[in-house]
Structure formats: structure tokens, C-alpha cells
Amino acid sequence: MISHHELRDVALECVANVTSSIDIQSVNERRTDFEMKSSSSDYVTSLDRHIELETVQFIRKNRANDGILGEEGAATSGTSGIRWIIDPIDGTSNFVYGIPYFSISIAIEVAGDVVAGVVADLSSNDIFDAVKDHGSRCNNEIIRVNNNDSLQSAIVTTGFSYRRERREVQGSILQYILPRVGDIRRFGSAALDLCWLAAGRADAFYEEGLNLWDYAAGSLIVSEAGGTVRIKNLTRGINLLTATNAHLDKEFQILLGNSLQH
């Protein structure tokens, strides 16, 4: 039976293989080669499809019996009890606009439990990874959440839905939260937001309506760096994901709860 560390190492090798396949000279062309999905601001590019295809091919070559779930349509049930969850570019809008904040996210589930994850920042070349019960790293160095214990000075990251009606709700939540925290950041990649929290570059994160591929790897990286991750079911089947450092969880949950009732 393959170990969780070995699965992580396969994911790291996969990311290295995929990034080496990207023709840097064609990246600018790929930015303009996109289609809309659920809304006029929800993009898929040829690079998304290229990365997902290369990732799937690598997994099938090295882990032929594993299942696969990819944002851009890859879906295989598998027979091993192991599943790979892929977001080929988390932060596609940033990529399209040339904003240097987007990533590849790969998580590995065993019997439905995420046991390893890798998030590769395609702009800075930072590689975040974690193995369940064995900590988190950035570029092979151990990382930990920070020790800020005050919401009044906390940097909170978030994101918004592509659906206009959800943005109206999210705007109301933000309006309540903003005066009660240090500041808000909206960078555009939930996977990287979670990794930055794990590395102490932010204090808390919240976002509703995320898909599993958006947060599976990043959530494990936060948890293994000493943070707290929670998922709360909201109305109409929409989930709210929150993550904090070790000190802010209780206070942040109260703040978010109040914002939902406001």
C-alpha cells in the first residue's frame, strides 16, 4: 500500500512535470485564448485545459487505478480507493489579466479523506505541500500559521461568487465584517489564499460557494500548519468555508455568524 508521503511525492513530481511542459513563450497567447463558463467573468483558457490534460495523463501513467476529479471535466471513478482532485488554474481571471496570483492545486483523497496536497504558485514558483498528520511546507521548509490573536489587526482574505445574486449577499457580509477586522484582501485564488494563511501571510480566510477542487489541497495545508478549517452549510446548498490561525477561530466564527444575521 502506497504511503501518504509517497502520494504527496507523486503529486510534486506531477506538478514539476506539468510546469515543465508549459511553453513560457506562448503564455501571453494563451491569456487571450479563453471562453466564458458560468458568467462573463468566469473564464476557462487553453492553459487550464492543457494543465488538466497533462496532469491526468501523468496520473494515469503512474497511478492507473486511481480516481480523478478535475475542474475542467476530468472524471474517473477508479478502483483503488484513491482519488486525485485537480484545479488546473485556480485564479484563471488573474491569469487572463496578467495578475501574478494563480496556482495549480492537487489534492489526494484516500477513502474520502484528503491525506496529501500540493499547491504550486505559477507566478512566484512557491510550492506548498502537506501530508496529513505530518505538517506543511513551502519549498521544502516547514511553515506554520502566525500567532496574531486580535481580529482588530487581522488581515482577512476572501473571494466572491460569479453569480450576481450571491455577490449581493456577500457584499452585505463584507460590509459587516470590514469595520471589525484589521483589513480585507481579495487576491483571486482560494487555494493560494489558504496557503498564504498557512505560511503566516494572512490571519483568516472565508469564502462561500467554493468547489472541492478550490480548497481540498489548501485546507489540508492550513490544518497541517496549525490552523483551523471549518465548513458550514448555508441555505440553498451553499457552503461557507472559513480558516484561521490557531488563536482567532472562536472570535471569527462569532463575527461571521453575526454577519449572516445582520
Protein backbone atom coordinates (compact mmCIF):
# COMPACT_ATOMS: atom_id res chain seq x y z
CA MET A 1 0.00 0.00 0.00
CA ILE A 2 1.40 3.37 -1.01
CA SER A 3 2.06 5.77 1.87
CA HIS A 4 0.63 9.26 2.15
CA HIS A 5 4.15 10.69 1.79
CA GLU A 6 4.62 8.74 -1.43
CA LEU A 7 1.32 10.10 -2.77
CA ARG A 8 2.50 13.63 -1.93
CA ASP A 9 5.76 12.95 -3.73
CA VAL A 10 3.90 11.72 -6.82
CA ALA A 11 1.88 14.97 -6.77
CA LEU A 12 5.08 17.03 -6.50
CA GLU A 13 6.58 15.13 -9.42
CA CYS A 14 3.36 15.66 -11.35
CA VAL A 15 3.49 19.43 -10.80
CA ALA A 16 7.14 19.55 -11.87
CA ASN A 17 6.31 17.56 -14.99
CA VAL A 18 3.31 19.71 -15.88
CA THR A 19 5.04 23.05 -15.35
CA SER A 20 7.98 21.91 -17.47
CA SER A 21 5.50 21.21 -20.30
CA ILE A 22 4.31 24.82 -20.37
CA ASP A 23 5.82 26.82 -23.20
CA ILE A 24 6.52 30.14 -21.49
CA GLN A 25 6.71 31.94 -24.84
CA SER A 26 3.09 31.01 -25.57
CA VAL A 27 1.70 32.07 -22.19
CA ASN A 28 0.71 35.54 -23.41
CA GLU A 29 -1.14 33.96 -26.34
CA ARG A 30 -2.93 31.56 -24.00
CA ARG A 31 -4.21 34.51 -21.95
CA THR A 32 -6.27 35.63 -24.93
CA ASP A 33 -7.44 32.11 -25.82
CA PHE A 34 -10.37 31.75 -23.43
CA GLU A 35 -14.08 31.06 -23.21
CA MET A 36 -16.75 32.07 -20.69
CA LYS A 37 -18.33 29.42 -18.46
CA SER A 38 -20.99 30.32 -15.87
CA SER A 39 -20.77 34.11 -16.30
CA SER A 40 -18.97 36.89 -18.16
CA SER A 41 -16.19 36.82 -15.54
CA ASP A 42 -15.83 33.02 -15.25
CA TYR A 43 -13.10 32.01 -17.70
CA VAL A 44 -11.52 28.82 -18.97
CA THR A 45 -8.36 29.10 -21.06
CA SER A 46 -6.39 26.74 -23.26
CA LEU A 47 -3.78 26.65 -20.50
CA ASP A 48 -6.39 25.36 -17.99
CA ARG A 49 -7.18 22.53 -20.40
CA HIS A 50 -3.52 21.85 -21.16
CA ILE A 51 -2.58 21.60 -17.48
CA GLU A 52 -5.53 19.36 -16.65
CA LEU A 53 -4.77 17.07 -19.61
CA GLU A 54 -1.09 16.81 -18.70
CA THR A 55 -1.96 16.15 -15.05
CA VAL A 56 -4.49 13.45 -15.91
CA GLN A 57 -2.07 11.76 -18.28
CA PHE A 58 0.65 11.76 -15.61
CA ILE A 59 -1.69 10.26 -13.02
CA ARG A 60 -2.96 7.59 -15.39
CA LYS A 61 0.60 6.65 -16.28
CA ASN A 62 1.75 6.42 -12.66
CA ARG A 63 -1.47 5.59 -10.76
CA ALA A 64 -3.67 3.81 -13.31
CA ASN A 65 -6.27 2.55 -10.83
CA ASP A 66 -6.88 5.85 -9.02
CA GLY A 67 -9.94 8.06 -9.48
CA ILE A 68 -9.75 11.61 -10.81
CA LEU A 69 -11.90 14.72 -10.39
CA GLY A 70 -10.88 17.79 -12.39
CA GLU A 71 -12.48 21.22 -12.64
CA GLU A 72 -12.44 21.15 -16.43
CA GLY A 73 -14.27 17.85 -16.76
CA ALA A 74 -11.87 15.02 -15.97
CA ALA A 75 -13.77 12.34 -14.04
CA THR A 76 -12.74 8.74 -13.38
CA SER A 77 -14.10 6.61 -10.55
CA GLY A 78 -11.05 4.33 -10.15
CA THR A 79 -10.79 1.09 -8.18
CA SER A 80 -8.03 1.83 -5.64
CA GLY A 81 -10.00 3.98 -3.18
CA ILE A 82 -7.66 6.87 -4.00
CA ARG A 83 -8.86 9.98 -5.86
CA TRP A 84 -6.96 12.95 -7.26
CA ILE A 85 -8.73 16.33 -7.11
CA ILE A 86 -7.36 18.82 -9.65
CA ASP A 87 -7.76 22.53 -10.21
CA PRO A 88 -5.50 23.23 -13.20
CA ILE A 89 -5.53 27.01 -12.69
CA ASP A 90 -7.09 28.42 -9.54
CA GLY A 91 -7.27 32.12 -10.31
CA THR A 92 -7.94 31.96 -14.06
CA SER A 93 -9.26 35.53 -14.17
CA ASN A 94 -5.94 36.70 -12.71
CA PHE A 95 -4.11 34.70 -15.37
CA VAL A 96 -6.22 36.21 -18.17
CA TYR A 97 -5.47 39.74 -16.93
CA GLY A 98 -1.79 39.10 -16.26
CA ILE A 99 -2.15 39.41 -12.49
CA PRO A 100 0.58 37.25 -10.87
CA TYR A 101 -1.58 35.26 -8.46
CA PHE A 102 -2.75 31.88 -9.76
CA SER A 103 -1.91 28.28 -9.00
CA ILE A 104 -2.19 24.59 -9.71
CA SER A 105 -3.93 22.71 -6.89
CA ILE A 106 -3.79 18.92 -6.47
CA ALA A 107 -5.27 17.04 -3.51
CA ILE A 108 -5.30 13.29 -2.92
CA GLU A 109 -8.12 11.54 -1.12
CA VAL A 110 -7.92 8.07 0.39
CA ALA A 111 -11.33 6.60 1.18
CA GLY A 112 -12.82 10.10 1.01
CA ASP A 113 -10.27 11.70 3.35
CA VAL A 114 -7.76 14.23 1.97
CA VAL A 115 -4.32 12.95 3.01
CA ALA A 116 -1.95 14.95 0.82
CA GLY A 117 -1.99 18.17 -1.13
CA VAL A 118 0.19 20.34 -3.34
CA VAL A 119 -0.42 23.92 -4.45
CA ALA A 120 2.03 25.44 -6.94
CA ASP A 121 2.13 29.22 -7.32
CA LEU A 122 2.75 29.63 -11.05
CA SER A 123 3.96 33.21 -10.66
CA SER A 124 6.38 33.02 -7.74
CA ASN A 125 7.36 29.33 -8.09
CA ASP A 126 6.45 28.72 -4.44
CA ILE A 127 5.43 25.09 -3.95
CA PHE A 128 3.24 24.39 -0.91
CA ASP A 129 2.56 20.85 0.23
CA ALA A 130 1.20 18.86 3.17
CA VAL A 131 0.77 15.29 4.35
CA LYS A 132 -1.93 14.55 6.88
CA ASP A 133 -0.54 14.41 10.42
CA HIS A 134 2.94 15.35 9.17
CA GLY A 135 2.85 19.12 8.71
CA SER A 136 3.03 21.62 5.86
CA ARG A 137 5.89 23.02 3.82
CA CYS A 138 6.73 25.76 1.35
CA ASN A 139 9.67 24.94 -0.91
CA ASN A 140 10.60 22.10 1.47
CA GLU A 141 10.70 24.40 4.52
CA ILE A 142 8.21 23.82 7.36
CA ILE A 143 5.54 26.53 7.63
CA ARG A 144 3.18 27.49 10.46
CA VAL A 145 0.26 29.88 10.82
CA ASN A 146 1.04 33.11 12.64
CA ASN A 147 0.21 33.99 16.25
CA ASN A 148 -1.98 37.07 15.79
CA ASP A 149 -4.75 36.90 18.41
CA SER A 150 -6.61 40.12 17.54
CA LEU A 151 -9.32 40.42 14.91
CA GLN A 152 -8.91 44.19 15.11
CA SER A 153 -5.49 43.86 13.47
CA ALA A 154 -6.19 40.75 11.40
CA ILE A 155 -5.70 40.57 7.64
CA VAL A 156 -8.65 38.59 6.28
CA THR A 157 -8.75 37.21 2.74
CA THR A 158 -11.91 36.35 0.84
CA GLY A 159 -13.40 35.86 -2.60
CA PHE A 160 -16.70 36.37 -4.39
CA SER A 161 -19.10 34.31 -6.47
CA TYR A 162 -19.54 34.58 -10.22
CA ARG A 163 -23.30 34.79 -9.60
CA ARG A 164 -24.67 38.32 -9.18
CA GLU A 165 -27.32 37.34 -6.63
CA ARG A 166 -24.68 35.73 -4.40
CA ARG A 167 -22.45 38.79 -4.70
CA GLU A 168 -25.22 40.92 -3.22
CA VAL A 169 -25.30 38.62 -0.18
CA GLN A 170 -21.51 38.56 0.02
CA GLY A 171 -21.40 42.35 -0.17
CA SER A 172 -23.66 42.54 2.87
CA ILE A 173 -21.41 40.13 4.78
CA LEU A 174 -18.32 42.12 3.79
CA GLN A 175 -19.94 45.39 4.84
CA TYR A 176 -20.48 43.99 8.34
CA ILE A 177 -17.04 42.40 8.67
CA LEU A 178 -14.80 45.13 7.24
CA PRO A 179 -15.07 47.65 10.14
CA ARG A 180 -14.44 44.86 12.66
CA VAL A 181 -11.14 43.48 11.33
CA GLY A 182 -7.73 44.92 10.51
CA ASP A 183 -8.27 44.83 6.74
CA ILE A 184 -9.59 42.73 3.87
CA ARG A 185 -7.68 41.33 0.90
CA ARG A 186 -9.24 39.83 -2.25
CA PHE A 187 -6.44 38.22 -4.26
CA GLY A 188 -8.39 35.86 -6.53
CA SER A 189 -7.20 32.32 -5.78
CA ALA A 190 -8.71 30.48 -2.81
CA ALA A 191 -6.01 27.79 -2.98
CA LEU A 192 -3.25 30.38 -2.62
CA ASP A 193 -5.19 32.38 -0.02
CA LEU A 194 -5.25 29.26 2.15
CA CYS A 195 -1.56 28.61 1.58
CA TRP A 196 -0.70 32.19 2.49
CA LEU A 197 -2.68 31.77 5.70
CA ALA A 198 -0.72 28.57 6.40
CA ALA A 199 2.54 30.47 5.88
CA GLY A 200 1.52 33.32 8.21
CA ARG A 201 0.93 35.85 5.42
CA ALA A 202 -2.72 36.32 6.47
CA ASP A 203 -4.71 35.68 9.64
CA ALA A 204 -8.07 34.38 8.42
CA PHE A 205 -9.99 33.44 5.28
CA TYR A 206 -13.63 32.98 4.39
CA GLU A 207 -15.50 32.30 1.17
CA GLU A 208 -18.82 30.76 0.28
CA GLY A 209 -19.73 28.63 -2.72
CA LEU A 210 -16.31 27.09 -3.31
CA ASN A 211 -15.95 23.81 -5.16
CA LEU A 212 -13.95 20.91 -3.74
CA TRP A 213 -11.08 21.44 -6.16
CA ASP A 214 -10.77 25.06 -4.99
CA TYR A 215 -9.99 24.20 -1.38
CA ALA A 216 -9.16 20.49 -0.91
CA ALA A 217 -5.38 20.89 -1.00
CA GLY A 218 -5.26 24.35 0.59
CA SER A 219 -7.45 23.32 3.52
CA LEU A 220 -5.13 20.43 4.38
CA ILE A 221 -2.12 22.75 4.13
CA VAL A 222 -3.76 25.16 6.60
CA SER A 223 -4.73 22.40 9.03
CA GLU A 224 -1.28 20.84 8.95
CA ALA A 225 0.28 24.27 9.55
CA GLY A 226 -1.65 24.58 12.83
CA GLY A 227 -4.72 26.44 11.57
CA THR A 228 -8.41 25.67 11.86
CA VAL A 229 -10.67 24.99 8.87
CA ARG A 230 -14.45 24.76 9.08
CA ILE A 231 -17.21 24.25 6.53
CA LYS A 232 -20.71 25.45 7.39
CA ASN A 233 -23.79 24.64 5.36
CA LEU A 234 -25.74 27.75 4.42
CA THR A 235 -29.11 27.98 2.70
CA ARG A 236 -29.77 26.61 -0.78
CA GLY A 237 -26.94 24.12 -0.66
CA ILE A 238 -24.20 26.74 -0.42
CA ASN A 239 -21.27 26.11 1.93
CA LEU A 240 -19.20 28.69 3.77
CA LEU A 241 -15.55 27.76 4.26
CA THR A 242 -13.59 29.53 6.98
CA ALA A 243 -9.97 29.18 8.02
CA THR A 244 -7.99 30.95 10.73
CA ASN A 245 -4.75 30.77 12.63
CA ALA A 246 -4.75 28.96 15.95
CA HIS A 247 -5.99 31.92 18.01
CA LEU A 248 -8.79 33.55 16.02
CA ASP A 249 -11.21 30.69 15.29
CA LYS A 250 -13.80 31.29 18.03
CA GLU A 251 -13.91 35.07 17.62
CA PHE A 252 -14.01 34.83 13.82
CA GLN A 253 -16.86 32.31 13.89
CA ILE A 254 -18.89 34.67 16.08
CA LEU A 255 -18.17 37.57 13.73
CA LEU A 256 -19.24 35.60 10.65
CA GLY A 257 -22.33 34.30 12.44
CA ASN A 258 -23.36 37.85 13.29
CA SER A 259 -22.71 38.97 9.71
CA LEU A 260 -25.07 36.30 8.37
CA GLN A 261 -27.85 37.51 10.69
CA HIS A 262 -27.24 41.21 10.11
